PDB file of N, CA and C in Angstrom:
ATOM      1  N   MET A   1      42.369   0.831  -2.475  1.00  0.00           N
ATOM      2  CA  MET A   1      41.131   0.088  -2.564  1.00  0.00           C
ATOM      3  C   MET A   1      40.081   0.974  -3.225  1.00  0.00           C
ATOM      4  N   ALA A   2      39.365   0.393  -4.207  1.00  0.00           N
ATOM      5  CA  ALA A   2      38.345   1.139  -4.932  1.00  0.00           C
ATOM      6  C   ALA A   2      37.093   1.296  -4.079  1.00  0.00           C
ATOM      7  N   LYS A   3      36.483   2.451  -4.183  1.00  0.00           N
ATOM      8  CA  LYS A   3      35.255   2.714  -3.436  1.00  0.00           C
ATOM      9  C   LYS A   3      34.072   2.064  -4.165  1.00  0.00           C
ATOM     10  N   ARG A   4      33.220   1.383  -3.417  1.00  0.00           N
ATOM     11  CA  ARG A   4      32.052   0.729  -4.003  1.00  0.00           C
ATOM     12  C   ARG A   4      30.956   1.749  -4.260  1.00  0.00           C
ATOM     13  N   ALA A   5      30.233   1.498  -5.343  1.00  0.00           N
ATOM     14  CA  ALA A   5      29.094   2.357  -5.660  1.00  0.00           C
ATOM     15  C   ALA A   5      27.947   2.033  -4.711  1.00  0.00           C
ATOM     16  N   ALA A   6      27.206   3.052  -4.341  1.00  0.00           N
ATOM     17  CA  ALA A   6      26.048   2.845  -3.458  1.00  0.00           C
ATOM     18  C   ALA A   6      24.973   2.085  -4.214  1.00  0.00           C
ATOM     19  N   THR A   7      24.201   1.309  -3.490  1.00  0.00           N
ATOM     20  CA  THR A   7      23.128   0.543  -4.103  1.00  0.00           C
ATOM     21  C   THR A   7      21.775   1.116  -3.688  1.00  0.00           C
ATOM     22  N   ASP A   8      20.792   0.894  -4.522  1.00  0.00           N
ATOM     23  CA  ASP A   8      19.435   1.337  -4.205  1.00  0.00           C
ATOM     24  C   ASP A   8      18.643   0.266  -3.475  1.00  0.00           C
ATOM     25  N   TYR A   9      19.163  -0.961  -3.446  1.00  0.00           N
ATOM     26  CA  TYR A   9      18.436  -2.067  -2.837  1.00  0.00           C
ATOM     27  C   TYR A   9      19.287  -2.805  -1.822  1.00  0.00           C
ATOM     28  N   TYR A  10      18.587  -3.366  -0.840  1.00  0.00           N
ATOM     29  CA  TYR A  10      19.239  -4.176   0.191  1.00  0.00           C
ATOM     30  C   TYR A  10      18.556  -5.532   0.234  1.00  0.00           C
ATOM     31  N   ARG A  11      19.350  -6.567   0.494  1.00  0.00           N
ATOM     32  CA  ARG A  11      18.858  -7.942   0.534  1.00  0.00           C
ATOM     33  C   ARG A  11      18.864  -8.428   1.979  1.00  0.00           C
ATOM     34  N   ALA A  12      17.749  -9.023   2.419  1.00  0.00           N
ATOM     35  CA  ALA A  12      17.666  -9.560   3.785  1.00  0.00           C
ATOM     36  C   ALA A  12      18.691 -10.682   3.938  1.00  0.00           C
ATOM     37  N   ASN A  13      19.542 -10.597   4.978  1.00  0.00           N
ATOM     38  CA  ASN A  13      20.559 -11.623   5.190  1.00  0.00           C
ATOM     39  C   ASN A  13      20.053 -12.747   6.091  1.00  0.00           C
ATOM     40  N   GLN A  14      18.784 -12.644   6.514  1.00  0.00           N
ATOM     41  CA  GLN A  14      18.139 -13.688   7.314  1.00  0.00           C
ATOM     42  C   GLN A  14      16.639 -13.434   7.285  1.00  0.00           C
ATOM     43  N   GLY A  15      15.867 -14.453   7.591  1.00  0.00           N
ATOM     44  CA  GLY A  15      14.430 -14.276   7.690  1.00  0.00           C
ATOM     45  C   GLY A  15      14.090 -13.692   9.054  1.00  0.00           C
ATOM     46  N   PHE A  16      13.071 -12.846   9.100  1.00  0.00           N
ATOM     47  CA  PHE A  16      12.661 -12.270  10.380  1.00  0.00           C
ATOM     48  C   PHE A  16      11.233 -11.756  10.272  1.00  0.00           C
ATOM     49  N   SER A  17      10.641 -11.482  11.407  1.00  0.00           N
ATOM     50  CA  SER A  17       9.325 -10.847  11.442  1.00  0.00           C
ATOM     51  C   SER A  17       9.433  -9.604  12.306  1.00  0.00           C
ATOM     52  N   THR A  18       8.590  -8.635  12.010  1.00  0.00           N
ATOM     53  CA  THR A  18       8.596  -7.376  12.742  1.00  0.00           C
ATOM     54  C   THR A  18       7.236  -6.711  12.579  1.00  0.00           C
ATOM     55  N   MET A  19       7.042  -5.611  13.247  1.00  0.00           N
ATOM     56  CA  MET A  19       5.827  -4.814  13.085  1.00  0.00           C
ATOM     57  C   MET A  19       6.199  -3.579  12.264  1.00  0.00           C
ATOM     58  N   LEU A  20       5.336  -3.232  11.311  1.00  0.00           N
ATOM     59  CA  LEU A  20       5.541  -2.049  10.491  1.00  0.00           C
ATOM     60  C   LEU A  20       4.196  -1.359  10.333  1.00  0.00           C
ATOM     61  N   ASP A  21       4.098  -0.151  10.811  1.00  0.00           N
ATOM     62  CA  ASP A  21       2.841   0.614  10.772  1.00  0.00           C
ATOM     63  C   ASP A  21       1.698  -0.160  11.422  1.00  0.00           C
ATOM     64  N   GLY A  22       2.007  -0.872  12.503  1.00  0.00           N
ATOM     65  CA  GLY A  22       0.990  -1.592  13.249  1.00  0.00           C
ATOM     66  C   GLY A  22       0.599  -2.946  12.679  1.00  0.00           C
ATOM     67  N   ASP A  23       1.243  -3.364  11.605  1.00  0.00           N
ATOM     68  CA  ASP A  23       0.935  -4.647  10.984  1.00  0.00           C
ATOM     69  C   ASP A  23       2.147  -5.574  11.055  1.00  0.00           C
ATOM     70  N   PRO A  24       1.916  -6.877  11.241  1.00  0.00           N
ATOM     71  CA  PRO A  24       3.039  -7.810  11.227  1.00  0.00           C
ATOM     72  C   PRO A  24       3.574  -7.970   9.806  1.00  0.00           C
ATOM     73  N   VAL A  25       4.889  -8.006   9.688  1.00  0.00           N
ATOM     74  CA  VAL A  25       5.559  -8.167   8.398  1.00  0.00           C
ATOM     75  C   VAL A  25       6.536  -9.324   8.525  1.00  0.00           C
ATOM     76  N   PHE A  26       6.496 -10.226   7.550  1.00  0.00           N
ATOM     77  CA  PHE A  26       7.409 -11.361   7.524  1.00  0.00           C
ATOM     78  C   PHE A  26       8.329 -11.201   6.320  1.00  0.00           C
ATOM     79  N   VAL A  27       9.624 -11.185   6.563  1.00  0.00           N
ATOM     80  CA  VAL A  27      10.618 -11.001   5.510  1.00  0.00           C
ATOM     81  C   VAL A  27      11.406 -12.291   5.378  1.00  0.00           C
ATOM     82  N   GLN A  28      11.476 -12.824   4.167  1.00  0.00           N
ATOM     83  CA  GLN A  28      12.240 -14.032   3.903  1.00  0.00           C
ATOM     84  C   GLN A  28      13.686 -13.666   3.590  1.00  0.00           C
ATOM     85  N   LYS A  29      14.607 -14.528   3.955  1.00  0.00           N
ATOM     86  CA  LYS A  29      16.013 -14.322   3.611  1.00  0.00           C
ATOM     87  C   LYS A  29      16.115 -14.169   2.096  1.00  0.00           C
ATOM     88  N   GLY A  30      16.834 -13.149   1.653  1.00  0.00           N
ATOM     89  CA  GLY A  30      17.033 -12.911   0.227  1.00  0.00           C
ATOM     90  C   GLY A  30      16.087 -11.896  -0.384  1.00  0.00           C
ATOM     91  N   GLU A  31      15.040 -11.483   0.341  1.00  0.00           N
ATOM     92  CA  GLU A  31      14.117 -10.500  -0.226  1.00  0.00           C
ATOM     93  C   GLU A  31      14.794  -9.151  -0.373  1.00  0.00           C
ATOM     94  N   LEU A  32      14.405  -8.428  -1.418  1.00  0.00           N
ATOM     95  CA  LEU A  32      14.975  -7.108  -1.701  1.00  0.00           C
ATOM     96  C   LEU A  32      14.087  -6.006  -1.158  1.00  0.00           C
ATOM     97  N   VAL A  33      14.722  -4.967  -0.638  1.00  0.00           N
ATOM     98  CA  VAL A  33      14.018  -3.811  -0.100  1.00  0.00           C
ATOM     99  C   VAL A  33      14.721  -2.557  -0.618  1.00  0.00           C
ATOM    100  N   HIS A  34      13.951  -1.579  -1.087  1.00  0.00           N
ATOM    101  CA  HIS A  34      14.529  -0.326  -1.567  1.00  0.00           C
ATOM    102  C   HIS A  34      15.135   0.446  -0.394  1.00  0.00           C
ATOM    103  N   LYS A  35      16.196   1.167  -0.672  1.00  0.00           N
ATOM    104  CA  LYS A  35      16.930   1.892   0.371  1.00  0.00           C
ATOM    105  C   LYS A  35      16.075   2.902   1.135  1.00  0.00           C
ATOM    106  N   ASP A  36      14.988   3.381   0.543  1.00  0.00           N
ATOM    107  CA  ASP A  36      14.133   4.368   1.197  1.00  0.00           C
ATOM    108  C   ASP A  36      12.944   3.745   1.936  1.00  0.00           C
ATOM    109  N   HIS A  37      12.828   2.433   1.905  1.00  0.00           N
ATOM    110  CA  HIS A  37      11.677   1.771   2.530  1.00  0.00           C
ATOM    111  C   HIS A  37      11.794   1.847   4.051  1.00  0.00           C
ATOM    112  N   PRO A  38      10.698   2.137   4.748  1.00  0.00           N
ATOM    113  CA  PRO A  38      10.731   2.250   6.211  1.00  0.00           C
ATOM    114  C   PRO A  38      11.114   0.936   6.914  1.00  0.00           C
ATOM    115  N   LEU A  39      11.035  -0.179   6.229  1.00  0.00           N
ATOM    116  CA  LEU A  39      11.415  -1.456   6.823  1.00  0.00           C
ATOM    117  C   LEU A  39      12.896  -1.476   7.214  1.00  0.00           C
ATOM    118  N   LEU A  40      13.712  -0.690   6.539  1.00  0.00           N
ATOM    119  CA  LEU A  40      15.151  -0.663   6.837  1.00  0.00           C
ATOM    120  C   LEU A  40      15.486   0.141   8.092  1.00  0.00           C
ATOM    121  N   LYS A  41      14.642   1.100   8.437  1.00  0.00           N
ATOM    122  CA  LYS A  41      14.946   1.982   9.564  1.00  0.00           C
ATOM    123  C   LYS A  41      15.086   1.178  10.859  1.00  0.00           C
ATOM    124  N   GLY A  42      16.259   1.238  11.440  1.00  0.00           N
ATOM    125  CA  GLY A  42      16.549   0.533  12.678  1.00  0.00           C
ATOM    126  C   GLY A  42      16.796  -0.961  12.504  1.00  0.00           C
ATOM    127  N   ARG A  43      16.831  -1.425  11.245  1.00  0.00           N
ATOM    128  CA  ARG A  43      17.019  -2.854  10.988  1.00  0.00           C
ATOM    129  C   ARG A  43      18.115  -3.108   9.955  1.00  0.00           C
ATOM    130  N   ARG A  44      19.010  -2.161   9.733  1.00  0.00           N
ATOM    131  CA  ARG A  44      20.048  -2.297   8.705  1.00  0.00           C
ATOM    132  C   ARG A  44      20.922  -3.525   8.917  1.00  0.00           C
ATOM    133  N   ASP A  45      21.073  -3.964  10.169  1.00  0.00           N
ATOM    134  CA  ASP A  45      21.913  -5.133  10.426  1.00  0.00           C
ATOM    135  C   ASP A  45      21.294  -6.417   9.878  1.00  0.00           C
ATOM    136  N   LEU A  46      20.008  -6.377   9.522  1.00  0.00           N
ATOM    137  CA  LEU A  46      19.330  -7.546   8.962  1.00  0.00           C
ATOM    138  C   LEU A  46      19.411  -7.582   7.430  1.00  0.00           C
ATOM    139  N   PHE A  47      20.103  -6.591   6.851  1.00  0.00           N
ATOM    140  CA  PHE A  47      20.206  -6.468   5.399  1.00  0.00           C
ATOM    141  C   PHE A  47      21.649  -6.218   4.980  1.00  0.00           C
ATOM    142  N   ASP A  48      21.968  -6.658   3.777  1.00  0.00           N
ATOM    143  CA  ASP A  48      23.256  -6.376   3.142  1.00  0.00           C
ATOM    144  C   ASP A  48      22.974  -5.661   1.827  1.00  0.00           C
ATOM    145  N   PRO A  49      23.903  -4.816   1.379  1.00  0.00           N
ATOM    146  CA  PRO A  49      23.698  -4.163   0.085  1.00  0.00           C
ATOM    147  C   PRO A  49      23.529  -5.211  -1.013  1.00  0.00           C
ATOM    148  N   ALA A  50      22.547  -5.022  -1.870  1.00  0.00           N
ATOM    149  CA  ALA A  50      22.335  -5.935  -2.998  1.00  0.00           C
ATOM    150  C   ALA A  50      23.124  -5.400  -4.169  1.00  0.00           C
ATOM    151  N   GLU A  51      24.269  -5.997  -4.408  1.00  0.00           N
ATOM    152  CA  GLU A  51      25.159  -5.484  -5.443  1.00  0.00           C
ATOM    153  C   GLU A  51      24.774  -5.950  -6.833  1.00  0.00           C
ATOM    154  N   ASN A  52      24.136  -7.098  -6.930  1.00  0.00           N
ATOM    155  CA  ASN A  52      23.694  -7.557  -8.245  1.00  0.00           C
ATOM    156  C   ASN A  52      22.449  -8.412  -8.085  1.00  0.00           C
ATOM    157  N   PHE A  53      21.518  -8.206  -8.973  1.00  0.00           N
ATOM    158  CA  PHE A  53      20.293  -8.996  -8.986  1.00  0.00           C
ATOM    159  C   PHE A  53      19.575  -8.739 -10.287  1.00  0.00           C
ATOM    160  N   GLY A  54      18.781  -9.709 -10.701  1.00  0.00           N
ATOM    161  CA  GLY A  54      17.973  -9.552 -11.905  1.00  0.00           C
ATOM    162  C   GLY A  54      16.680  -8.854 -11.539  1.00  0.00           C
ATOM    163  N   ARG A  55      16.248  -7.979 -12.395  1.00  0.00           N
ATOM    164  CA  ARG A  55      14.990  -7.277 -12.143  1.00  0.00           C
ATOM    165  C   ARG A  55      14.307  -7.040 -13.471  1.00  0.00           C
ATOM    166  N   PHE A  56      13.057  -7.432 -13.550  1.00  0.00           N
ATOM    167  CA  PHE A  56      12.266  -7.208 -14.743  1.00  0.00           C
ATOM    168  C   PHE A  56      11.345  -6.029 -14.485  1.00  0.00           C
ATOM    169  N   ASP A  57      10.905  -5.399 -15.544  1.00  0.00           N
ATOM    170  CA  ASP A  57       9.948  -4.309 -15.364  1.00  0.00           C
ATOM    171  C   ASP A  57       8.711  -4.863 -14.689  1.00  0.00           C
ATOM    172  N   VAL A  58       8.225  -4.144 -13.711  1.00  0.00           N
ATOM    173  CA  VAL A  58       7.066  -4.574 -12.952  1.00  0.00           C
ATOM    174  C   VAL A  58       5.932  -3.617 -13.230  1.00  0.00           C
ATOM    175  N   GLU A  59       4.762  -4.184 -13.507  1.00  0.00           N
ATOM    176  CA  GLU A  59       3.605  -3.335 -13.766  1.00  0.00           C
ATOM    177  C   GLU A  59       3.182  -2.653 -12.479  1.00  0.00           C
ATOM    178  N   GLN A  60       2.838  -1.413 -12.585  1.00  0.00           N
ATOM    179  CA  GLN A  60       2.355  -0.652 -11.439  1.00  0.00           C
ATOM    180  C   GLN A  60       1.028  -1.241 -10.982  1.00  0.00           C
ATOM    181  N   ALA A  61       0.849  -1.404  -9.683  1.00  0.00           N
ATOM    182  CA  ALA A  61      -0.333  -2.074  -9.147  1.00  0.00           C
ATOM    183  C   ALA A  61      -1.595  -1.224  -9.216  1.00  0.00           C
ATOM    184  N   THR A  62      -1.456   0.085  -9.203  1.00  0.00           N
ATOM    185  CA  THR A  62      -2.627   0.952  -9.241  1.00  0.00           C
ATOM    186  C   THR A  62      -2.475   1.968 -10.360  1.00  0.00           C
ATOM    187  N   ALA A  63      -3.576   2.508 -10.785  1.00  0.00           N
ATOM    188  CA  ALA A  63      -3.552   3.508 -11.852  1.00  0.00           C
ATOM    189  C   ALA A  63      -2.988   4.821 -11.323  1.00  0.00           C
ATOM    190  N   ALA A  64      -2.227   5.492 -12.153  1.00  0.00           N
ATOM    191  CA  ALA A  64      -1.724   6.826 -11.816  1.00  0.00           C
ATOM    192  C   ALA A  64      -2.886   7.804 -11.970  1.00  0.00           C
ATOM    193  N   PRO A  65      -2.806   8.982 -11.343  1.00  0.00           N
ATOM    194  CA  PRO A  65      -3.890   9.955 -11.477  1.00  0.00           C
ATOM    195  C   PRO A  65      -4.198  10.235 -12.951  1.00  0.00           C
ATOM    196  N   GLY A  66      -5.464  10.089 -13.320  1.00  0.00           N
ATOM    197  CA  GLY A  66      -5.888  10.328 -14.693  1.00  0.00           C
ATOM    198  C   GLY A  66      -5.690   9.152 -15.627  1.00  0.00           C
ATOM    199  N   GLU A  67      -5.026   8.103 -15.175  1.00  0.00           N
ATOM    200  CA  GLU A  67      -4.774   6.940 -16.027  1.00  0.00           C
ATOM    201  C   GLU A  67      -5.962   5.989 -15.961  1.00  0.00           C
ATOM    202  N   LYS A  68      -6.374   5.493 -17.119  1.00  0.00           N
ATOM    203  CA  LYS A  68      -7.458   4.514 -17.156  1.00  0.00           C
ATOM    204  C   LYS A  68      -6.835   3.132 -17.292  1.00  0.00           C
ATOM    205  N   ARG A  69      -7.282   2.213 -16.441  1.00  0.00           N
ATOM    206  CA  ARG A  69      -6.767   0.847 -16.473  1.00  0.00           C
ATOM    207  C   ARG A  69      -7.762  -0.057 -17.178  1.00  0.00           C
ATOM    208  N   ALA A  70      -7.263  -1.105 -17.812  1.00  0.00           N
ATOM    209  CA  ALA A  70      -8.137  -2.078 -18.474  1.00  0.00           C
ATOM    210  C   ALA A  70      -8.939  -2.809 -17.407  1.00  0.00           C
ATOM    211  N   ALA A  71     -10.174  -3.092 -17.731  1.00  0.00           N
ATOM    212  CA  ALA A  71     -11.031  -3.823 -16.794  1.00  0.00           C
ATOM    213  C   ALA A  71     -10.562  -5.264 -16.695  1.00  0.00           C
ATOM    214  N   GLU A  72     -10.819  -5.876 -15.550  1.00  0.00           N
ATOM    215  CA  GLU A  72     -10.496  -7.286 -15.357  1.00  0.00           C
ATOM    216  C   GLU A  72     -11.332  -8.115 -16.316  1.00  0.00           C
ATOM    217  N   PRO A  73     -10.743  -9.150 -16.911  1.00  0.00           N
ATOM    218  CA  PRO A  73     -11.564 -10.003 -17.774  1.00  0.00           C
ATOM    219  C   PRO A  73     -12.613 -10.722 -16.933  1.00  0.00           C
ATOM    220  N   GLU A  74     -13.810 -10.820 -17.491  1.00  0.00           N
ATOM    221  CA  GLU A  74     -14.880 -11.475 -16.746  1.00  0.00           C
ATOM    222  C   GLU A  74     -14.618 -12.972 -16.709  1.00  0.00           C
ATOM    223  N   GLU A  75     -14.909 -13.566 -15.562  1.00  0.00           N
ATOM    224  CA  GLU A  75     -14.736 -15.005 -15.443  1.00  0.00           C
ATOM    225  C   GLU A  75     -15.799 -15.684 -16.289  1.00  0.00           C
ATOM    226  N   ALA A  76     -15.456 -16.863 -16.795  1.00  0.00           N
ATOM    227  CA  ALA A  76     -16.415 -17.623 -17.591  1.00  0.00           C
ATOM    228  C   ALA A  76     -17.649 -17.899 -16.744  1.00  0.00           C
ATOM    229  N   GLU A  77     -18.803 -17.730 -17.365  1.00  0.00           N
ATOM    230  CA  GLU A  77     -20.032 -17.986 -16.621  1.00  0.00           C
ATOM    231  C   GLU A  77     -20.088 -19.451 -16.240  1.00  0.00           C
ATOM    232  N   ALA A  78     -20.586 -19.688 -15.048  1.00  0.00           N
ATOM    233  CA  ALA A  78     -20.689 -21.065 -14.576  1.00  0.00           C
ATOM    234  C   ALA A  78     -21.696 -21.813 -15.426  1.00  0.00           C
ATOM    235  N   GLU A  79     -21.354 -23.039 -15.782  1.00  0.00           N
ATOM    236  CA  GLU A  79     -22.276 -23.860 -16.547  1.00  0.00           C
ATOM    237  C   GLU A  79     -23.347 -24.394 -15.615  1.00  0.00           C
ATOM    238  N   PRO A  80     -24.564 -24.566 -16.115  1.00  0.00           N
ATOM    239  CA  PRO A  80     -25.609 -25.107 -15.248  1.00  0.00           C
ATOM    240  C   PRO A  80     -25.241 -26.532 -14.851  1.00  0.00           C
ATOM    241  N   PRO A  81     -25.688 -26.966 -13.658  1.00  0.00           N
ATOM    242  CA  PRO A  81     -25.352 -28.310 -13.218  1.00  0.00           C
ATOM    243  C   PRO A  81     -25.928 -29.345 -14.184  1.00  0.00           C
ATOM    244  N   ALA A  82     -25.231 -30.451 -14.314  1.00  0.00           N
ATOM    245  CA  ALA A  82     -25.687 -31.523 -15.200  1.00  0.00           C
ATOM    246  C   ALA A  82     -27.031 -32.055 -14.709  1.00  0.00           C
ATOM    247  N   GLN A  83     -27.886 -32.353 -15.653  1.00  0.00           N
ATOM    248  CA  GLN A  83     -29.212 -32.858 -15.287  1.00  0.00           C
ATOM    249  C   GLN A  83     -29.089 -34.290 -14.784  1.00  0.00           C
ATOM    250  N   LYS A  84     -29.793 -34.564 -13.701  1.00  0.00           N
ATOM    251  CA  LYS A  84     -29.742 -35.897 -13.129  1.00  0.00           C
ATOM    252  C   LYS A  84     -30.477 -36.882 -14.026  1.00  0.00           C
ATOM    253  N   ARG A  85     -29.975 -38.096 -14.059  1.00  0.00           N
ATOM    254  CA  ARG A  85     -30.572 -39.156 -14.849  1.00  0.00           C
ATOM    255  C   ARG A  85     -32.003 -39.402 -14.376  1.00  0.00           C
ATOM    256  N   GLY A  86     -32.904 -39.535 -15.292  1.00  0.00           N
ATOM    257  CA  GLY A  86     -34.279 -39.847 -14.954  1.00  0.00           C
ATOM    258  C   GLY A  86     -35.172 -38.619 -14.841  1.00  0.00           C
ATOM    259  N   GLN A  87     -34.591 -37.430 -14.764  1.00  0.00           N
ATOM    260  CA  GLN A  87     -35.406 -36.226 -14.694  1.00  0.00           C
ATOM    261  C   GLN A  87     -35.819 -35.835 -16.093  1.00  0.00           C
ATOM    262  N   ARG A  88     -36.977 -35.320 -16.221  1.00  0.00           N
ATOM    263  CA  ARG A  88     -37.478 -34.903 -17.523  1.00  0.00           C
ATOM    264  C   ARG A  88     -37.308 -33.416 -17.680  1.00  0.00           C
ATOM    265  N   ARG A  89     -36.962 -33.014 -18.849  1.00  0.00           N
ATOM    266  CA  ARG A  89     -36.894 -31.587 -19.162  1.00  0.00           C
ATOM    267  C   ARG A  89     -38.276 -31.109 -19.527  1.00  0.00           C
ATOM    268  N   GLY A  90     -38.538 -29.893 -19.232  1.00  0.00           N
ATOM    269  CA  GLY A  90     -39.821 -29.471 -19.706  1.00  0.00           C
ATOM    270  C   GLY A  90     -40.309 -28.297 -19.123  1.00  0.00           C
TER     271      GLY A  90
END
């Protein structure tokens, strides 16, 4: 029998909730978790090795030290409310 390669990710085999660092965490069946994530500690029976899955490059959520991030685009300015019929401008 051929030995399976180790995986870096585990897939939740059921939905569950737990506490992690004092906060409630809800995990849906099928969610992926990296092998080093603290969510796996003591909960390996709730996960199976993820042998295949699609993954796209994900943008980093925060800037790295010294990295400048693009500013958020400004929201369109709110238009003034429509003038009521019968009111005079002036």
